[in-house]
Amino acid sequence: MKKYLVIDIGGTYTKYAVMDESCRFYSKDKIETVKSDLESFIEMLVWIYESTEEVSGIAISSAGMIDSETGFMYNGGSLFIIKNINLVEILEHRCHVPVTVENDARCAGLAEVWKGALSECRNSIALIIGTAIGGAVVVDRKVLKGKNCMAGEFSYILTNGKEADDRDQIFAVNGGMPALIHLASDRLGISETELTGEMIFSRANCGEQEALACIRQYARTLAVQINNLQFIFDPEKIAIGGGVSEQPLLLQLIREELRSLSKVYPYPVPVAEITNCQFFNDSNLIGALYVHLRAQEEEIRPERVRELLDLVKNRREGEYLRALLLG
């Protein structure tokens, strides 16, 4: 069975693993992400490849605005050294194996489509909660990318029409985990530097009402946008990802707020069905591998097409059929 090097480029660490087509992990490790300059960053990726056992390809997940069909990265999110480069071309030239790259939130969503919470859905959404809000809109089991490769970039949603020119009113700011930390810091009187999401949920689960009120307010902010996404795309299911999605209390409160919001309409309307993602720390790796395998399945190299056409042109139909069937 073929093995692949799968890399998840993060703002702090770059995780990498050797995996096969059945999603089995053979090895897994991480190193600190090189952010000093682009050349050193590329050398980091090449070093990972060269220090790994022989593989049939490289699958990459990264933050940023990415055209996965061409391998072009317009930016790398918080990795500001990445700007207008074709990472696939660079690495294929250096490593001599097929390379793919896809946005990390889309990878997380596709992991769920492939083997997780969205595996039985044709149309679905993944909403990934982290420092900001990422996601993927899935139509006919394929990620919707959009004209500018920005479909699913939920962080850019404006959440307040009256103060739309205020940066604090974008979904990245008031929907990401730092928003909950900030809210709890104010209400609990604890410095943001001393608070974590785990601490807030622990206090709420122990019955502390102020902590519970903070999470409910945060859940309502999420529920409003989930409600909007439900009516824009009408998906079968919306999967919530990111570390915070492991907290049952958050999903419980989001469901309660969604039911509450549905009462604003003058007649019964569908309420978004939400679930938590099944993959957490490995979601980006699993999704990146899925993108790579799909790309290899769909790829028809120009030289192979010419070879087959030459067989037909020269009336060597038997050889053509054998070549077509055997690949």
Protein backbone atom coordinates (compact mmCIF):
# COMPACT_ATOMS: atom_id res chain seq x y z
CA MET A 1 0.00 0.00 0.00
CA LYS A 2 1.30 3.45 -0.92
CA LYS A 3 2.43 5.79 1.83
CA TYR A 4 2.23 9.58 1.86
CA LEU A 5 3.89 12.38 3.78
CA VAL A 6 1.14 14.58 5.23
CA ILE A 7 2.05 18.00 6.64
CA ASP A 8 -0.06 20.42 8.67
CA ILE A 9 1.56 23.87 8.73
CA GLY A 10 0.53 25.83 11.79
CA GLY A 11 1.43 29.25 13.08
CA THR A 12 3.46 27.78 15.94
CA TYR A 13 4.18 24.16 15.03
CA THR A 14 4.26 22.14 11.84
CA LYS A 15 2.95 18.61 12.33
CA TYR A 16 3.77 15.83 9.93
CA ALA A 17 2.95 12.16 9.57
CA VAL A 18 3.39 9.20 7.26
CA MET A 19 -0.01 7.76 6.37
CA ASP A 20 -1.45 5.30 3.88
CA GLU A 21 -4.58 5.34 1.74
CA SER A 22 -6.66 3.77 4.51
CA CYS A 23 -5.74 6.65 6.85
CA ARG A 24 -3.41 4.55 8.97
CA PHE A 25 -0.65 6.48 10.76
CA TYR A 26 2.86 4.99 10.57
CA SER A 27 4.68 7.86 12.27
CA LYS A 28 3.87 11.32 13.59
CA ASP A 29 6.00 14.23 14.77
CA LYS A 30 6.14 18.02 14.88
CA ILE A 31 8.69 20.82 14.71
CA GLU A 32 8.53 24.54 15.35
CA THR A 33 7.35 26.37 12.23
CA VAL A 34 10.10 28.42 10.58
CA LYS A 35 8.80 31.96 10.10
CA SER A 36 11.98 33.98 9.53
CA ASP A 37 11.91 34.04 5.72
CA LEU A 38 10.42 32.14 2.79
CA GLU A 39 13.62 30.35 1.77
CA SER A 40 14.12 28.94 5.27
CA PHE A 41 10.46 27.96 5.40
CA ILE A 42 10.80 25.98 2.15
CA GLU A 43 13.97 24.34 3.46
CA MET A 44 12.00 23.24 6.53
CA LEU A 45 9.48 21.44 4.32
CA VAL A 46 12.22 19.86 2.20
CA TRP A 47 14.01 18.71 5.38
CA ILE A 48 10.81 17.03 6.58
CA TYR A 49 10.54 15.19 3.25
CA GLU A 50 14.19 14.16 3.16
CA SER A 51 14.10 12.89 6.74
CA THR A 52 11.06 10.74 6.04
CA GLU A 53 10.88 7.24 4.61
CA GLU A 54 10.13 6.92 0.89
CA VAL A 55 6.64 8.18 0.08
CA SER A 56 4.49 8.46 -3.05
CA GLY A 57 3.44 12.05 -2.51
CA ILE A 58 3.18 15.04 -0.18
CA ALA A 59 -0.17 16.35 1.12
CA ILE A 60 -0.14 19.74 2.84
CA SER A 61 -2.64 21.61 5.00
CA SER A 62 -2.00 25.29 5.69
CA ALA A 63 -3.76 28.42 6.77
CA GLY A 64 -4.31 31.05 4.11
CA MET A 65 -6.02 31.81 0.85
CA ILE A 66 -5.15 28.85 -1.38
CA ASP A 67 -6.08 27.67 -4.86
CA SER A 68 -5.73 23.94 -4.31
CA GLU A 69 -6.20 23.13 -7.99
CA THR A 70 -3.05 25.00 -8.99
CA GLY A 71 -1.14 24.95 -5.71
CA PHE A 72 -0.98 28.75 -5.61
CA MET A 73 -0.95 30.38 -2.18
CA TYR A 74 -2.07 34.00 -2.19
CA ASN A 75 -1.17 34.20 1.49
CA GLY A 76 -0.46 31.98 4.46
CA GLY A 77 -2.80 33.49 7.02
CA SER A 78 -0.66 34.40 10.01
CA LEU A 79 2.45 33.18 8.16
CA PHE A 80 3.24 36.50 6.51
CA ILE A 81 6.32 35.13 4.72
CA ILE A 82 3.95 33.30 2.36
CA LYS A 83 2.65 35.60 -0.33
CA ASN A 84 1.82 34.82 -3.97
CA ILE A 85 3.83 31.62 -4.34
CA ASN A 86 3.08 28.30 -6.01
CA LEU A 87 4.06 25.94 -3.23
CA VAL A 88 3.22 22.85 -5.27
CA GLU A 89 5.56 23.79 -8.11
CA ILE A 90 8.38 24.64 -5.70
CA LEU A 91 8.14 21.39 -3.75
CA GLU A 92 7.58 19.14 -6.76
CA HIS A 93 10.76 20.59 -8.26
CA ARG A 94 12.69 19.96 -5.04
CA CYS A 95 11.21 16.63 -3.96
CA HIS A 96 10.19 14.99 -7.27
CA VAL A 97 6.89 13.59 -6.01
CA PRO A 98 3.30 14.82 -6.49
CA VAL A 99 2.33 17.58 -4.04
CA THR A 100 -1.03 19.06 -3.03
CA VAL A 101 -1.93 21.91 -0.69
CA GLU A 102 -5.29 22.97 0.74
CA ASN A 103 -6.60 25.43 3.32
CA ASP A 104 -6.49 23.94 6.83
CA ALA A 105 -10.13 24.58 7.72
CA ARG A 106 -11.25 22.96 4.48
CA CYS A 107 -9.02 20.01 5.31
CA ALA A 108 -10.68 19.72 8.71
CA GLY A 109 -14.09 19.75 7.04
CA LEU A 110 -13.09 17.19 4.43
CA ALA A 111 -11.80 14.86 7.13
CA GLU A 112 -15.37 14.78 8.44
CA VAL A 113 -16.77 14.27 4.94
CA TRP A 114 -14.39 11.39 4.30
CA LYS A 115 -14.54 9.42 7.52
CA GLY A 116 -16.26 11.52 10.19
CA ALA A 117 -19.43 13.27 11.26
CA LEU A 118 -20.40 14.37 7.73
CA SER A 119 -19.65 11.10 5.96
CA GLU A 120 -23.32 10.39 5.22
CA CYS A 121 -24.13 13.91 4.00
CA ARG A 122 -24.06 15.20 0.44
CA ASN A 123 -24.41 18.85 1.44
CA SER A 124 -22.95 20.02 4.73
CA ILE A 125 -20.91 22.68 6.51
CA ALA A 126 -17.96 22.46 8.87
CA LEU A 127 -17.46 25.39 11.24
CA ILE A 128 -14.02 25.32 12.81
CA ILE A 129 -13.55 27.42 15.96
CA GLY A 130 -10.04 28.46 16.89
CA THR A 131 -8.33 31.80 17.27
CA ALA A 132 -10.69 32.85 14.47
CA ILE A 133 -13.43 31.03 12.53
CA GLY A 134 -12.67 28.80 9.57
CA GLY A 135 -14.80 26.35 7.72
CA ALA A 136 -15.87 24.52 4.64
CA VAL A 137 -19.07 24.50 2.61
CA VAL A 138 -19.57 21.07 1.07
CA VAL A 139 -21.84 20.60 -1.96
CA ASP A 140 -22.22 17.12 -3.47
CA ARG A 141 -19.38 16.02 -1.16
CA LYS A 142 -17.00 18.54 -2.73
CA VAL A 143 -15.72 21.72 -1.11
CA LEU A 144 -17.22 24.88 -2.56
CA LYS A 145 -14.27 27.17 -3.29
CA GLY A 146 -15.78 30.21 -4.98
CA LYS A 147 -14.35 32.64 -7.52
CA ASN A 148 -11.67 33.95 -5.15
CA CYS A 149 -11.09 30.73 -3.15
CA MET A 150 -12.85 32.42 -0.22
CA ALA A 151 -15.96 30.26 0.22
CA GLY A 152 -16.09 29.06 3.81
CA GLU A 153 -13.95 31.91 5.14
CA PHE A 154 -16.52 32.61 7.84
CA SER A 155 -14.13 34.87 9.76
CA TYR A 156 -14.95 37.70 7.36
CA ILE A 157 -18.68 37.72 8.08
CA LEU A 158 -19.87 41.06 9.47
CA THR A 159 -22.03 40.56 12.53
CA ASN A 160 -23.40 44.04 13.25
CA GLY A 161 -24.90 46.23 10.54
CA LYS A 162 -24.95 49.35 12.71
CA GLU A 163 -21.22 49.12 13.41
CA ALA A 164 -20.08 47.39 10.25
CA ASP A 165 -16.95 49.52 9.97
CA ASP A 166 -15.75 48.35 13.38
CA ARG A 167 -13.22 45.53 13.07
CA ASP A 168 -14.46 44.06 16.35
CA GLN A 169 -17.74 43.26 14.60
CA ILE A 170 -16.34 40.61 12.27
CA PHE A 171 -17.03 36.98 13.13
CA ALA A 172 -13.33 36.21 13.56
CA VAL A 173 -13.19 38.61 16.50
CA ASN A 174 -16.47 37.94 18.28
CA GLY A 175 -16.76 34.24 17.37
CA GLY A 176 -13.25 32.93 17.95
CA MET A 177 -12.12 31.49 21.28
CA PRO A 178 -10.42 34.76 22.37
CA ALA A 179 -13.90 36.32 22.39
CA LEU A 180 -15.03 33.87 25.07
CA ILE A 181 -11.84 34.48 27.07
CA HIS A 182 -12.40 38.25 26.87
CA LEU A 183 -16.05 37.94 27.88
CA ALA A 184 -15.27 35.70 30.83
CA SER A 185 -12.39 37.89 31.94
CA ASP A 186 -14.73 40.86 32.28
CA ARG A 187 -17.48 38.98 34.09
CA LEU A 188 -15.32 36.80 36.33
CA GLY A 189 -12.76 39.46 37.15
CA ILE A 190 -9.82 37.30 36.06
CA SER A 191 -7.01 38.46 33.76
CA GLU A 192 -7.23 37.13 30.22
CA THR A 193 -3.66 35.86 30.52
CA GLU A 194 -4.72 33.64 33.41
CA LEU A 195 -7.85 32.24 31.73
CA THR A 196 -8.24 29.32 29.36
CA GLY A 197 -11.28 27.90 27.68
CA GLU A 198 -10.92 24.72 29.74
CA MET A 199 -11.06 26.77 32.96
CA ILE A 200 -14.24 28.56 31.91
CA PHE A 201 -16.03 25.31 31.02
CA SER A 202 -14.79 23.64 34.20
CA ARG A 203 -16.29 26.46 36.28
CA ALA A 204 -19.58 26.28 34.37
CA ASN A 205 -19.75 22.48 34.70
CA CYS A 206 -19.26 22.91 38.45
CA GLY A 207 -22.33 25.16 38.59
CA GLU A 208 -20.78 28.63 38.57
CA GLN A 209 -23.56 30.76 37.08
CA GLU A 210 -21.40 33.63 35.84
CA ALA A 211 -19.23 31.22 33.85
CA LEU A 212 -22.34 29.52 32.47
CA ALA A 213 -23.79 32.90 31.47
CA CYS A 214 -20.58 33.74 29.57
CA ILE A 215 -20.70 30.49 27.62
CA ARG A 216 -24.39 30.95 26.84
CA GLN A 217 -23.76 34.45 25.49
CA TYR A 218 -20.91 33.10 23.38
CA ALA A 219 -23.10 30.20 22.20
CA ARG A 220 -25.78 32.65 21.09
CA THR A 221 -23.24 34.57 19.00
CA LEU A 222 -22.32 31.30 17.28
CA ALA A 223 -25.95 30.23 16.96
CA VAL A 224 -26.96 33.43 15.14
CA GLN A 225 -24.39 32.80 12.40
CA ILE A 226 -25.14 29.08 12.26
CA ASN A 227 -28.80 30.01 11.78
CA ASN A 228 -27.83 32.34 8.94
CA LEU A 229 -25.68 29.66 7.29
CA GLN A 230 -28.56 27.22 7.54
CA PHE A 231 -30.80 29.49 5.50
CA ILE A 232 -28.11 30.42 2.99
CA PHE A 233 -27.00 26.86 2.18
CA ASP A 234 -29.70 24.60 3.72
CA PRO A 235 -27.19 21.84 4.60
CA GLU A 236 -28.12 18.45 6.00
CA LYS A 237 -25.81 18.94 8.95
CA ILE A 238 -23.33 21.44 10.39
CA ALA A 239 -20.30 20.03 12.20
CA ILE A 240 -18.57 22.17 14.83
CA GLY A 241 -14.81 21.66 15.06
CA GLY A 242 -11.83 22.98 16.94
CA GLY A 243 -10.76 22.06 20.46
CA VAL A 244 -13.77 23.76 22.05
CA SER A 245 -16.13 21.40 20.19
CA GLU A 246 -15.05 18.67 22.60
CA GLN A 247 -17.11 20.47 25.27
CA PRO A 248 -20.63 18.94 25.33
CA LEU A 249 -21.94 22.00 27.16
CA LEU A 250 -21.18 24.29 24.22
CA LEU A 251 -23.13 22.18 21.73
CA GLN A 252 -26.01 21.86 24.20
CA LEU A 253 -26.25 25.64 24.58
CA ILE A 254 -25.92 26.26 20.83
CA ARG A 255 -28.83 23.87 20.22
CA GLU A 256 -30.90 25.67 22.84
CA GLU A 257 -30.14 29.05 21.29
CA LEU A 258 -30.97 27.77 17.79
CA ARG A 259 -34.38 26.61 19.00
CA SER A 260 -34.89 29.99 20.65
CA LEU A 261 -33.96 31.85 17.48
CA SER A 262 -36.39 29.78 15.40
CA LYS A 263 -39.29 31.33 17.36
CA VAL A 264 -38.65 34.72 15.79
CA TYR A 265 -40.25 33.51 12.54
CA PRO A 266 -44.03 33.66 12.04
CA TYR A 267 -44.24 29.97 11.07
CA PRO A 268 -42.19 26.80 11.68
CA VAL A 269 -38.79 26.74 9.97
CA PRO A 270 -35.98 24.15 9.87
CA VAL A 271 -33.57 24.35 12.79
CA ALA A 272 -29.95 23.64 11.95
CA GLU A 273 -28.80 20.15 12.92
CA ILE A 274 -25.41 20.46 14.56
CA THR A 275 -22.88 17.91 15.73
CA ASN A 276 -19.29 17.98 16.86
CA CYS A 277 -16.47 16.94 14.56
CA GLN A 278 -15.06 13.48 15.23
CA PHE A 279 -11.46 14.39 14.48
CA PHE A 280 -9.64 16.99 16.52
CA ASN A 281 -5.84 17.21 16.51
CA ASP A 282 -5.53 14.99 13.43
CA SER A 283 -8.32 16.53 11.36
CA ASN A 284 -6.08 18.69 9.17
CA LEU A 285 -3.77 15.76 8.43
CA ILE A 286 -6.64 13.44 7.53
CA GLY A 287 -8.31 16.04 5.33
CA ALA A 288 -5.05 16.92 3.56
CA LEU A 289 -4.53 13.25 2.72
CA TYR A 290 -8.08 13.06 1.36
CA VAL A 291 -7.43 16.07 -0.90
CA HIS A 292 -4.24 14.45 -2.17
CA LEU A 293 -5.85 11.09 -2.90
CA ARG A 294 -8.74 12.74 -4.74
CA ALA A 295 -6.33 14.81 -6.81
CA GLN A 296 -4.42 11.69 -7.80
CA GLU A 297 -7.64 9.92 -8.76
CA GLU A 298 -8.83 12.78 -10.95
CA GLU A 299 -5.50 13.63 -12.54
CA ILE A 300 -4.98 12.77 -16.20
CA ARG A 301 -1.54 13.87 -17.25
CA PRO A 302 -1.28 15.49 -20.73
CA GLU A 303 1.49 13.11 -21.84
CA ARG A 304 -0.72 10.11 -20.97
CA VAL A 305 -3.58 11.55 -23.02
CA ARG A 306 -1.27 12.06 -26.00
CA GLU A 307 -0.01 8.49 -25.69
CA LEU A 308 -3.55 7.10 -25.78
CA LEU A 309 -4.53 9.32 -28.70
CA ASP A 310 -1.49 8.14 -30.67
CA LEU A 311 -2.56 4.53 -30.20
CA VAL A 312 -6.01 5.33 -31.60
CA LYS A 313 -4.59 7.40 -34.45
CA ASN A 314 -2.33 4.55 -35.49
CA ARG A 315 -5.25 2.10 -35.33
CA ARG A 316 -3.72 0.07 -32.52
CA GLU A 317 -7.11 -0.35 -30.81
CA GLY A 318 -6.12 -3.47 -28.90
CA GLU A 319 -3.15 -1.78 -27.30
CA TYR A 320 -5.31 1.28 -26.58
CA LEU A 321 -7.92 -0.78 -24.72
CA ARG A 322 -5.27 -2.64 -22.72
CA ALA A 323 -3.55 0.64 -21.82
CA LEU A 324 -6.86 2.24 -20.83
CA LEU A 325 -7.93 -0.67 -18.67
CA LEU A 326 -4.55 -1.24 -17.03
CA GLY A 327 -3.80 2.48 -16.56
